[in-house]
Amino acid sequence: SALERMARTYRATITYKDLAEEVQSVSGIRTRRLLQHWIGHVLGAVSNGCHAAGEPLLSSLCVRADGTVGPGYAIAVVDNFGGEPPADLDMHAAIERFNCYRHFGAELPADGGSPALTQQVAAARNRRQRQTSPAESSRAICPTCHLMLPISGQCDNCS
């Protein structure tokens, strides 16, 4: 399957769109239904089969164009493992993908590799982190005008 093929290549993923095209091509069945109305059922069945076989969830390899896993992944995790959905769905999928790579025989780097967010998700998180740098968020605020104080500690606006 396309998902097993992805699992044999370290850090590989496949988009929902590409997976849907491959499923239709291999099955010979074409649909005009919107992707979001049927691909979740396919991935849910794959997840259930993986879990029943004691394998990691191959559905973790399927991502949106922006590199994130869809809400259906949370449903698959809860259906198969119980409990609440993971707080960080993309990190859960990264760990599950890493387990897929190991299980399905991907060639891992010399250091053994590690779970990783997709490049798009990692880049987005890095941008957000830079926008809220710890140095800025820990600086004092003027009690009068509520502006961030300069390093001198004296408000330029109120002094």
Protein backbone atom coordinates (compact mmCIF):
# COMPACT_ATOMS: atom_id res chain seq x y z
CA SER A 1 0.00 0.00 0.00
CA ALA A 2 1.01 3.64 -0.35
CA LEU A 3 1.21 4.03 3.42
CA GLU A 4 3.49 1.02 3.83
CA ARG A 5 5.69 2.39 1.04
CA MET A 6 5.94 5.71 2.91
CA ALA A 7 6.76 3.83 6.12
CA ARG A 8 9.81 2.32 4.43
CA THR A 9 11.36 5.77 3.89
CA TYR A 10 12.56 7.64 6.97
CA ARG A 11 10.58 10.85 7.56
CA ALA A 12 8.35 10.32 4.51
CA THR A 13 4.69 11.37 4.58
CA ILE A 14 1.89 11.49 2.02
CA THR A 15 -0.82 14.12 1.65
CA TYR A 16 -4.49 13.25 1.87
CA LYS A 17 -4.87 14.33 -1.76
CA ASP A 18 -2.06 12.08 -3.00
CA LEU A 19 -3.29 9.14 -0.93
CA ALA A 20 -6.84 9.61 -2.24
CA GLU A 21 -5.56 9.63 -5.82
CA GLU A 22 -3.57 6.45 -5.23
CA VAL A 23 -6.49 4.67 -3.52
CA GLN A 24 -8.75 5.48 -6.46
CA SER A 25 -6.12 4.50 -9.02
CA VAL A 26 -5.27 1.16 -7.38
CA SER A 27 -8.89 0.23 -6.64
CA GLY A 28 -10.18 1.31 -10.04
CA ILE A 29 -13.03 3.06 -8.26
CA ARG A 30 -13.45 6.77 -8.92
CA THR A 31 -15.61 9.13 -6.94
CA ARG A 32 -16.64 12.74 -7.33
CA ARG A 33 -17.35 12.97 -3.61
CA LEU A 34 -15.19 15.46 -1.80
CA LEU A 35 -12.11 13.92 -0.25
CA GLN A 36 -13.06 14.89 3.30
CA HIS A 37 -16.26 12.83 2.99
CA TRP A 38 -14.55 9.47 2.47
CA ILE A 39 -10.79 9.39 3.14
CA GLY A 40 -11.31 9.38 6.91
CA HIS A 41 -13.21 6.09 6.62
CA VAL A 42 -10.32 4.56 4.68
CA LEU A 43 -7.74 5.80 7.20
CA GLY A 44 -9.93 4.68 10.12
CA ALA A 45 -10.06 1.14 8.71
CA VAL A 46 -6.28 1.21 8.18
CA SER A 47 -5.74 2.37 11.78
CA ASN A 48 -8.01 -0.34 13.18
CA GLY A 49 -6.19 -2.99 11.13
CA CYS A 50 -2.79 -1.75 12.27
CA HIS A 51 -3.80 -1.69 15.91
CA ALA A 52 -5.34 -5.18 15.69
CA ALA A 53 -2.06 -6.47 14.18
CA GLY A 54 0.01 -4.81 16.91
CA GLU A 55 1.53 -2.37 14.42
CA PRO A 56 1.94 1.39 14.68
CA LEU A 57 -0.78 3.48 13.03
CA LEU A 58 0.07 3.94 9.35
CA SER A 59 -2.53 6.71 9.25
CA SER A 60 0.02 8.92 11.06
CA LEU A 61 1.89 9.13 7.73
CA CYS A 62 -1.03 10.91 6.03
CA VAL A 63 -0.95 14.70 6.44
CA ARG A 64 -2.66 17.78 5.10
CA ALA A 65 -0.89 20.02 2.60
CA ASP A 66 0.30 22.14 5.56
CA GLY A 67 1.98 19.11 7.16
CA THR A 68 -0.51 18.67 10.01
CA VAL A 69 -2.57 15.58 10.71
CA GLY A 70 -6.31 16.00 10.39
CA PRO A 71 -8.95 15.70 13.11
CA GLY A 72 -9.67 12.14 11.95
CA TYR A 73 -6.27 11.14 13.32
CA ALA A 74 -7.43 12.10 16.83
CA ILE A 75 -10.52 9.91 16.36
CA ALA A 76 -8.35 6.97 15.26
CA VAL A 77 -6.09 7.39 18.31
CA VAL A 78 -9.03 7.45 20.72
CA ASP A 79 -10.79 4.56 18.94
CA ASN A 80 -7.69 2.39 19.13
CA PHE A 81 -6.04 3.42 22.39
CA GLY A 82 -8.93 4.88 24.39
CA GLY A 83 -8.75 7.91 26.66
CA GLU A 84 -8.64 11.51 25.54
CA PRO A 85 -7.11 12.76 22.29
CA PRO A 86 -3.45 13.74 22.68
CA ALA A 87 -2.88 17.39 23.61
CA ASP A 88 -0.31 17.71 20.81
CA LEU A 89 -1.74 15.69 17.95
CA ASP A 90 1.12 16.45 15.55
CA MET A 91 3.75 15.31 18.06
CA HIS A 92 1.78 12.13 18.75
CA ALA A 93 1.70 11.49 14.99
CA ALA A 94 5.46 12.19 14.77
CA ILE A 95 6.14 9.50 17.38
CA GLU A 96 3.77 7.09 15.67
CA ARG A 97 5.42 7.80 12.29
CA PHE A 98 8.83 7.06 13.80
CA ASN A 99 7.46 3.75 15.09
CA CYS A 100 6.20 3.04 11.55
CA TYR A 101 9.63 3.72 10.07
CA ARG A 102 11.25 1.32 12.53
CA HIS A 103 8.55 -1.35 12.16
CA PHE A 104 8.44 -1.33 8.36
CA GLY A 105 12.21 -1.32 7.91
CA ALA A 106 13.08 2.20 6.85
CA GLU A 107 16.79 2.88 6.69
CA LEU A 108 17.40 4.98 9.79
CA PRO A 109 20.30 7.39 10.29
CA ALA A 110 23.41 6.16 12.13
CA ASP A 111 22.22 7.71 15.40
CA GLY A 112 18.97 5.70 15.20
CA GLY A 113 16.80 8.64 14.22
CA SER A 114 14.08 10.29 16.25
CA PRO A 115 10.46 11.32 16.02
CA ALA A 116 10.07 14.57 14.08
CA LEU A 117 7.30 16.96 13.18
CA THR A 118 6.86 17.52 9.47
CA GLN A 119 9.04 20.32 8.09
CA GLN A 120 6.01 22.60 7.68
CA VAL A 121 4.79 22.10 11.26
CA ALA A 122 8.29 22.52 12.71
CA ALA A 123 8.80 25.74 10.72
CA ALA A 124 5.43 27.15 11.81
CA ARG A 125 6.17 26.39 15.46
CA ASN A 126 9.62 27.97 15.19
CA ARG A 127 8.08 31.14 13.71
CA ARG A 128 5.56 31.33 16.54
CA GLN A 129 8.26 30.77 19.13
CA ARG A 130 10.43 33.56 17.68
CA GLN A 131 7.43 35.92 17.70
CA THR A 132 6.97 35.32 21.42
CA SER A 133 10.56 35.28 22.56
CA PRO A 134 11.12 34.57 26.27
CA ALA A 135 13.12 37.80 26.67
CA GLU A 136 10.17 39.91 25.58
CA SER A 137 7.50 38.02 27.48
CA SER A 138 9.45 38.21 30.75
CA ARG A 139 10.09 41.98 30.63
CA ALA A 140 8.23 44.14 33.13
CA ILE A 141 5.16 46.17 32.24
CA CYS A 142 4.58 49.76 33.36
CA PRO A 143 1.78 49.76 35.97
CA THR A 144 0.53 53.16 34.74
CA CYS A 145 0.44 52.93 30.93
CA HIS A 146 0.80 49.15 30.58
CA LEU A 147 3.61 49.35 28.01
CA MET A 148 6.62 47.04 28.19
CA LEU A 149 9.41 48.74 30.14
CA PRO A 150 12.80 49.22 28.53
CA ILE A 151 15.77 47.43 30.03
CA SER A 152 16.45 50.50 32.24
CA GLY A 153 13.19 49.76 34.08
CA GLN A 154 12.05 53.39 33.70
CA CYS A 155 8.98 53.98 31.53
CA ASP A 156 9.82 56.29 28.63
CA ASN A 157 6.15 57.21 28.35
CA CYS A 158 5.48 58.09 32.00
CA SER A 159 8.87 59.40 33.21
